[in-house]
Amino acid sequence: MFFDIFFNNNKNRSNSFSPPLVQNLPLGGKSFYLMKRVLLLTCPCSIALLACLVSFSPAPGKSLTVDVLNHANQFRRSKGLTALSLHEDLNAIAEKHSSNMAKGRVGFGHGGFNKRYHEAKRKIAGFNGFAENVAYGATSGKEVVTLWKNSPGHRRNMLGQYKYTGIGMAKDRKGRIYYTQVFAR
C-alpha cells in the first residue's frame, strides 16, 4: 500500500507539493485491490497479444531486400563484376519460395527449383540462365550474404555472369527469416 502511505503522509505537510488529482485518487481498500487485479490480468494478456503479433508478423520489408542487394553487389564489385539489377518478377518468384519455406509448405532448400526456373524463363525476354541461393536465420543482409560467400555453391551463384536478381524473404512463426535470392541472365 505504498500509494496510501506515501500520499497520506504527504497530505498533511504544509510545504510539500502534491498535485490535486493525485490526492483525490482513491487508492485504498477495494479500489486499490481492483487496480492491482486489473494490472495483474491485463499485463499477461498484453504480453500474450504482443507475442501473437510478433509470430504472425509480415514479411520483412523492402529495406532488408535493399540491404541484401547492396551487400551482394558490393561483393560482386570487389571481384570486378557488374552490379545486379532487381527484377520485380524475380522478386515475386523468390518471395513465394521464401514464404512456402517459412510456412512449411516445402522443406528448406531448393525443392521446386525447376518450376521457378520455368516461371522465370516465361517472364524474362532473352533468358538463358538461372541460379538460386536460400538461407534462413540471418537477421541482416550483410549476415546472409556472408553466409553465402562462405559456401562454395552459393558463392559461385553470386559471382556468376548474371544480370538480374530477385530477392524474397518471409518470417516463420518463430520469427526466423527465410531468404531466397534468384539470379538470371
C-alpha atoms as a PDB file:
ATOM      1  CA  MET A   1       0.000   0.000   0.000  1.00  0.00           C
ATOM      2  CA  PHE A   2       2.797   2.326  -0.936  1.00  0.00           C
ATOM      3  CA  PHE A   3       0.353   4.748  -2.548  1.00  0.00           C
ATOM      4  CA  ASP A   4      -1.699   5.179   0.636  1.00  0.00           C
ATOM      5  CA  ILE A   5       1.326   5.646   2.878  1.00  0.00           C
ATOM      6  CA  PHE A   6       3.146   7.987   0.547  1.00  0.00           C
ATOM      7  CA  PHE A   7       0.254  10.237  -0.361  1.00  0.00           C
ATOM      8  CA  ASN A   8      -1.413  10.254   3.081  1.00  0.00           C
ATOM      9  CA  ASN A   9       1.872  11.154   4.769  1.00  0.00           C
ATOM     10  CA  ASN A  10       2.474  13.976   2.329  1.00  0.00           C
ATOM     11  CA  LYS A  11      -1.090  15.350   2.540  1.00  0.00           C
ATOM     12  CA  ASN A  12      -0.611  16.830   5.952  1.00  0.00           C
ATOM     13  CA  ARG A  13       2.724  18.539   5.278  1.00  0.00           C
ATOM     14  CA  SER A  14       2.253  22.213   4.573  1.00  0.00           C
ATOM     15  CA  ASN A  15       5.385  22.744   2.486  1.00  0.00           C
ATOM     16  CA  SER A  16       5.135  19.605   0.314  1.00  0.00           C
ATOM     17  CA  PHE A  17       3.526  19.719  -3.086  1.00  0.00           C
ATOM     18  CA  SER A  18       1.055  17.050  -4.189  1.00  0.00           C
ATOM     19  CA  PRO A  19      -0.996  17.595  -7.313  1.00  0.00           C
ATOM     20  CA  PRO A  20      -4.722  17.745  -6.556  1.00  0.00           C
ATOM     21  CA  LEU A  21      -5.533  14.867  -8.929  1.00  0.00           C
ATOM     22  CA  VAL A  22      -3.133  12.576  -7.116  1.00  0.00           C
ATOM     23  CA  GLN A  23      -4.595  13.451  -3.725  1.00  0.00           C
ATOM     24  CA  ASN A  24      -8.115  12.652  -4.917  1.00  0.00           C
ATOM     25  CA  LEU A  25      -7.297   9.185  -6.256  1.00  0.00           C
ATOM     26  CA  PRO A  26      -8.985   6.557  -4.089  1.00  0.00           C
ATOM     27  CA  LEU A  27      -6.082   4.118  -3.806  1.00  0.00           C
ATOM     28  CA  GLY A  28      -7.060   2.470  -0.524  1.00  0.00           C
ATOM     29  CA  GLY A  29      -9.307  -0.520   0.165  1.00  0.00           C
ATOM     30  CA  LYS A  30     -11.288  -2.051  -2.676  1.00  0.00           C
ATOM     31  CA  SER A  31     -10.159   0.490  -5.280  1.00  0.00           C
ATOM     32  CA  PHE A  32      -6.511  -0.435  -4.784  1.00  0.00           C
ATOM     33  CA  TYR A  33      -7.407  -4.145  -4.846  1.00  0.00           C
ATOM     34  CA  LEU A  34      -9.303  -3.703  -8.138  1.00  0.00           C
ATOM     35  CA  MET A  35      -6.488  -1.703  -9.703  1.00  0.00           C
ATOM     36  CA  LYS A  36      -3.988  -4.389  -8.720  1.00  0.00           C
ATOM     37  CA  ARG A  37      -6.252  -7.092 -10.105  1.00  0.00           C
ATOM     38  CA  VAL A  38      -6.747  -5.270 -13.412  1.00  0.00           C
ATOM     39  CA  LEU A  39      -2.985  -4.837 -13.777  1.00  0.00           C
ATOM     40  CA  LEU A  40      -2.344  -8.492 -12.979  1.00  0.00           C
ATOM     41  CA  LEU A  41      -4.863  -9.561 -15.612  1.00  0.00           C
ATOM     42  CA  THR A  42      -4.015  -7.075 -18.364  1.00  0.00           C
ATOM     43  CA  CYS A  43      -0.226  -7.397 -18.263  1.00  0.00           C
ATOM     44  CA  PRO A  44      -0.111 -11.124 -19.143  1.00  0.00           C
ATOM     45  CA  CYS A  45      -2.821 -10.637 -21.765  1.00  0.00           C
ATOM     46  CA  SER A  46      -0.892  -7.759 -23.326  1.00  0.00           C
ATOM     47  CA  ILE A  47       2.285  -9.817 -23.401  1.00  0.00           C
ATOM     48  CA  ALA A  48       0.430 -12.749 -24.994  1.00  0.00           C
ATOM     49  CA  LEU A  49      -1.090 -10.446 -27.613  1.00  0.00           C
ATOM     50  CA  LEU A  50       2.316  -8.981 -28.416  1.00  0.00           C
ATOM     51  CA  ALA A  51       3.766 -12.483 -28.791  1.00  0.00           C
ATOM     52  CA  CYS A  52       0.969 -13.403 -31.218  1.00  0.00           C
ATOM     53  CA  LEU A  53       1.521 -10.274 -33.263  1.00  0.00           C
ATOM     54  CA  VAL A  54       5.255 -10.921 -33.489  1.00  0.00           C
ATOM     55  CA  SER A  55       4.767 -14.555 -34.501  1.00  0.00           C
ATOM     56  CA  PHE A  56       2.474 -13.537 -37.352  1.00  0.00           C
ATOM     57  CA  SER A  57       4.486 -10.520 -38.396  1.00  0.00           C
ATOM     58  CA  PRO A  58       4.526  -9.659 -42.078  1.00  0.00           C
ATOM     59  CA  ALA A  59       7.386 -10.445 -44.395  1.00  0.00           C
ATOM     60  CA  PRO A  60      10.481  -8.341 -43.872  1.00  0.00           C
ATOM     61  CA  GLY A  61      10.322  -5.031 -45.701  1.00  0.00           C
ATOM     62  CA  LYS A  62      11.984  -3.520 -48.710  1.00  0.00           C
ATOM     63  CA  SER A  63      14.851  -2.194 -46.598  1.00  0.00           C
ATOM     64  CA  LEU A  64      16.062  -5.759 -45.963  1.00  0.00           C
ATOM     65  CA  THR A  65      15.770  -6.525 -49.679  1.00  0.00           C
ATOM     66  CA  VAL A  66      17.881  -3.468 -50.459  1.00  0.00           C
ATOM     67  CA  ASP A  67      20.372  -4.489 -47.752  1.00  0.00           C
ATOM     68  CA  VAL A  68      20.809  -7.950 -49.321  1.00  0.00           C
ATOM     69  CA  LEU A  69      21.120  -6.401 -52.794  1.00  0.00           C
ATOM     70  CA  ASN A  70      23.681  -3.830 -51.648  1.00  0.00           C
ATOM     71  CA  HIS A  71      25.894  -6.401 -49.926  1.00  0.00           C
ATOM     72  CA  ALA A  72      25.645  -8.842 -52.837  1.00  0.00           C
ATOM     73  CA  ASN A  73      26.557  -6.090 -55.316  1.00  0.00           C
ATOM     74  CA  GLN A  74      29.386  -4.841 -53.107  1.00  0.00           C
ATOM     75  CA  PHE A  75      30.793  -8.381 -53.119  1.00  0.00           C
ATOM     76  CA  ARG A  76      30.416  -8.625 -56.914  1.00  0.00           C
ATOM     77  CA  ARG A  77      32.103  -5.247 -57.472  1.00  0.00           C
ATOM     78  CA  SER A  78      35.010  -6.308 -55.227  1.00  0.00           C
ATOM     79  CA  LYS A  79      35.586  -9.129 -57.730  1.00  0.00           C
ATOM     80  CA  GLY A  80      35.362  -6.833 -60.783  1.00  0.00           C
ATOM     81  CA  LEU A  81      31.808  -7.833 -61.741  1.00  0.00           C
ATOM     82  CA  THR A  82      28.863  -5.611 -62.627  1.00  0.00           C
ATOM     83  CA  ALA A  83      26.065  -4.979 -60.171  1.00  0.00           C
ATOM     84  CA  LEU A  84      22.864  -6.999 -60.393  1.00  0.00           C
ATOM     85  CA  SER A  85      19.561  -5.242 -61.114  1.00  0.00           C
ATOM     86  CA  LEU A  86      16.447  -6.108 -59.143  1.00  0.00           C
ATOM     87  CA  HIS A  87      13.724  -7.586 -61.325  1.00  0.00           C
ATOM     88  CA  GLU A  88      10.183  -7.459 -59.896  1.00  0.00           C
ATOM     89  CA  ASP A  89       9.103 -10.744 -61.498  1.00  0.00           C
ATOM     90  CA  LEU A  90      12.119 -12.461 -59.954  1.00  0.00           C
ATOM     91  CA  ASN A  91      11.356 -10.825 -56.607  1.00  0.00           C
ATOM     92  CA  ALA A  92       7.881 -12.375 -56.723  1.00  0.00           C
ATOM     93  CA  ILE A  93       9.324 -15.819 -57.500  1.00  0.00           C
ATOM     94  CA  ALA A  94      11.845 -15.549 -54.647  1.00  0.00           C
ATOM     95  CA  GLU A  95       9.239 -14.183 -52.226  1.00  0.00           C
ATOM     96  CA  LYS A  96       6.871 -17.059 -52.943  1.00  0.00           C
ATOM     97  CA  HIS A  97       9.576 -19.659 -52.319  1.00  0.00           C
ATOM     98  CA  SER A  98      10.626 -18.000 -49.038  1.00  0.00           C
ATOM     99  CA  SER A  99       7.002 -17.829 -47.940  1.00  0.00           C
ATOM    100  CA  ASN A 100       6.449 -21.501 -48.755  1.00  0.00           C
ATOM    101  CA  MET A 101       9.521 -22.484 -46.739  1.00  0.00           C
ATOM    102  CA  ALA A 102       8.542 -20.278 -43.787  1.00  0.00           C
ATOM    103  CA  LYS A 103       5.020 -21.745 -43.729  1.00  0.00           C
ATOM    104  CA  GLY A 104       6.320 -25.305 -44.006  1.00  0.00           C
ATOM    105  CA  ARG A 105       4.657 -25.933 -47.383  1.00  0.00           C
ATOM    106  CA  VAL A 106       8.034 -27.034 -48.734  1.00  0.00           C
ATOM    107  CA  GLY A 107      11.148 -28.044 -46.870  1.00  0.00           C
ATOM    108  CA  PHE A 108      14.055 -25.692 -46.521  1.00  0.00           C
ATOM    109  CA  GLY A 109      16.127 -25.933 -49.686  1.00  0.00           C
ATOM    110  CA  HIS A 110      15.739 -25.939 -53.422  1.00  0.00           C
ATOM    111  CA  GLY A 111      12.636 -28.110 -53.795  1.00  0.00           C
ATOM    112  CA  GLY A 112      10.596 -26.892 -56.777  1.00  0.00           C
ATOM    113  CA  PHE A 113      13.619 -25.274 -58.443  1.00  0.00           C
ATOM    114  CA  ASN A 114      12.572 -26.407 -61.935  1.00  0.00           C
ATOM    115  CA  LYS A 115       9.161 -24.785 -61.512  1.00  0.00           C
ATOM    116  CA  ARG A 116      10.812 -21.462 -60.529  1.00  0.00           C
ATOM    117  CA  TYR A 117      13.239 -21.821 -63.447  1.00  0.00           C
ATOM    118  CA  HIS A 118      10.408 -22.217 -65.966  1.00  0.00           C
ATOM    119  CA  GLU A 119       8.430 -19.370 -64.418  1.00  0.00           C
ATOM    120  CA  ALA A 120      11.451 -17.057 -64.742  1.00  0.00           C
ATOM    121  CA  LYS A 121      12.015 -18.231 -68.317  1.00  0.00           C
ATOM    122  CA  ARG A 122       8.424 -17.250 -69.233  1.00  0.00           C
ATOM    123  CA  LYS A 123       8.775 -13.794 -67.678  1.00  0.00           C
ATOM    124  CA  ILE A 124      12.219 -12.643 -68.850  1.00  0.00           C
ATOM    125  CA  ALA A 125      12.916 -11.995 -72.529  1.00  0.00           C
ATOM    126  CA  GLY A 126      16.211 -13.464 -73.740  1.00  0.00           C
ATOM    127  CA  PHE A 127      16.506 -15.652 -70.632  1.00  0.00           C
ATOM    128  CA  ASN A 128      19.430 -18.090 -70.746  1.00  0.00           C
ATOM    129  CA  GLY A 129      20.494 -18.905 -67.190  1.00  0.00           C
ATOM    130  CA  PHE A 130      19.134 -19.240 -63.673  1.00  0.00           C
ATOM    131  CA  ALA A 131      20.505 -19.926 -60.188  1.00  0.00           C
ATOM    132  CA  GLU A 132      19.203 -19.773 -56.638  1.00  0.00           C
ATOM    133  CA  ASN A 133      20.514 -19.234 -53.110  1.00  0.00           C
ATOM    134  CA  VAL A 134      18.483 -19.927 -49.965  1.00  0.00           C
ATOM    135  CA  ALA A 135      19.198 -19.370 -46.285  1.00  0.00           C
ATOM    136  CA  TYR A 136      17.377 -18.870 -43.013  1.00  0.00           C
ATOM    137  CA  GLY A 137      18.072 -17.399 -39.614  1.00  0.00           C
ATOM    138  CA  ALA A 138      20.223 -14.433 -40.641  1.00  0.00           C
ATOM    139  CA  THR A 139      18.948 -11.097 -39.356  1.00  0.00           C
ATOM    140  CA  SER A 140      20.559  -8.716 -41.847  1.00  0.00           C
ATOM    141  CA  GLY A 141      21.557  -8.519 -45.477  1.00  0.00           C
ATOM    142  CA  LYS A 142      25.216  -8.460 -44.507  1.00  0.00           C
ATOM    143  CA  GLU A 143      24.828 -11.642 -42.446  1.00  0.00           C
ATOM    144  CA  VAL A 144      23.037 -13.643 -45.144  1.00  0.00           C
ATOM    145  CA  VAL A 145      25.447 -12.521 -47.888  1.00  0.00           C
ATOM    146  CA  THR A 146      28.367 -13.508 -45.635  1.00  0.00           C
ATOM    147  CA  LEU A 147      26.824 -16.967 -45.180  1.00  0.00           C
ATOM    148  CA  TRP A 148      26.525 -17.324 -48.953  1.00  0.00           C
ATOM    149  CA  LYS A 149      30.051 -16.013 -49.583  1.00  0.00           C
ATOM    150  CA  ASN A 150      31.402 -18.766 -47.300  1.00  0.00           C
ATOM    151  CA  SER A 151      29.582 -21.557 -49.181  1.00  0.00           C
ATOM    152  CA  PRO A 152      31.221 -22.576 -52.483  1.00  0.00           C
ATOM    153  CA  GLY A 153      27.970 -23.206 -54.409  1.00  0.00           C
ATOM    154  CA  HIS A 154      26.251 -20.049 -53.180  1.00  0.00           C
ATOM    155  CA  ARG A 155      29.413 -18.027 -53.793  1.00  0.00           C
ATOM    156  CA  ARG A 156      29.554 -19.314 -57.379  1.00  0.00           C
ATOM    157  CA  ASN A 157      25.945 -18.189 -57.920  1.00  0.00           C
ATOM    158  CA  MET A 158      26.642 -14.716 -56.504  1.00  0.00           C
ATOM    159  CA  LEU A 159      29.689 -14.321 -58.756  1.00  0.00           C
ATOM    160  CA  GLY A 160      28.022 -15.791 -61.859  1.00  0.00           C
ATOM    161  CA  GLN A 161      27.543 -13.909 -65.112  1.00  0.00           C
ATOM    162  CA  TYR A 162      24.032 -12.796 -64.228  1.00  0.00           C
ATOM    163  CA  LYS A 163      22.288  -9.525 -64.988  1.00  0.00           C
ATOM    164  CA  TYR A 164      19.143  -9.717 -62.829  1.00  0.00           C
ATOM    165  CA  THR A 165      18.300 -10.832 -59.343  1.00  0.00           C
ATOM    166  CA  GLY A 166      15.178 -11.326 -57.296  1.00  0.00           C
ATOM    167  CA  ILE A 167      15.177 -11.332 -53.515  1.00  0.00           C
ATOM    168  CA  GLY A 168      12.386 -12.579 -51.289  1.00  0.00           C
ATOM    169  CA  MET A 169      12.082 -13.068 -47.554  1.00  0.00           C
ATOM    170  CA  ALA A 170       9.451 -14.396 -45.173  1.00  0.00           C
ATOM    171  CA  LYS A 171       9.265 -14.983 -41.431  1.00  0.00           C
ATOM    172  CA  ASP A 172       8.120 -18.202 -39.844  1.00  0.00           C
ATOM    173  CA  ARG A 173       6.071 -18.423 -36.621  1.00  0.00           C
ATOM    174  CA  LYS A 174       9.247 -18.233 -34.537  1.00  0.00           C
ATOM    175  CA  GLY A 175      10.367 -15.042 -36.267  1.00  0.00           C
ATOM    176  CA  ARG A 176      13.173 -16.662 -38.279  1.00  0.00           C
ATOM    177  CA  ILE A 177      13.673 -15.088 -41.686  1.00  0.00           C
ATOM    178  CA  TYR A 178      13.865 -17.322 -44.759  1.00  0.00           C
ATOM    179  CA  TYR A 179      15.768 -15.842 -47.700  1.00  0.00           C
ATOM    180  CA  THR A 180      15.708 -16.694 -51.388  1.00  0.00           C
ATOM    181  CA  GLN A 181      17.847 -14.924 -53.953  1.00  0.00           C
ATOM    182  CA  VAL A 182      17.467 -15.935 -57.566  1.00  0.00           C
ATOM    183  CA  PHE A 183      19.739 -14.913 -60.424  1.00  0.00           C
ATOM    184  CA  ALA A 184      19.007 -14.694 -64.166  1.00  0.00           C
ATOM    185  CA  ARG A 185      20.695 -13.599 -67.386  1.00  0.00           C
END
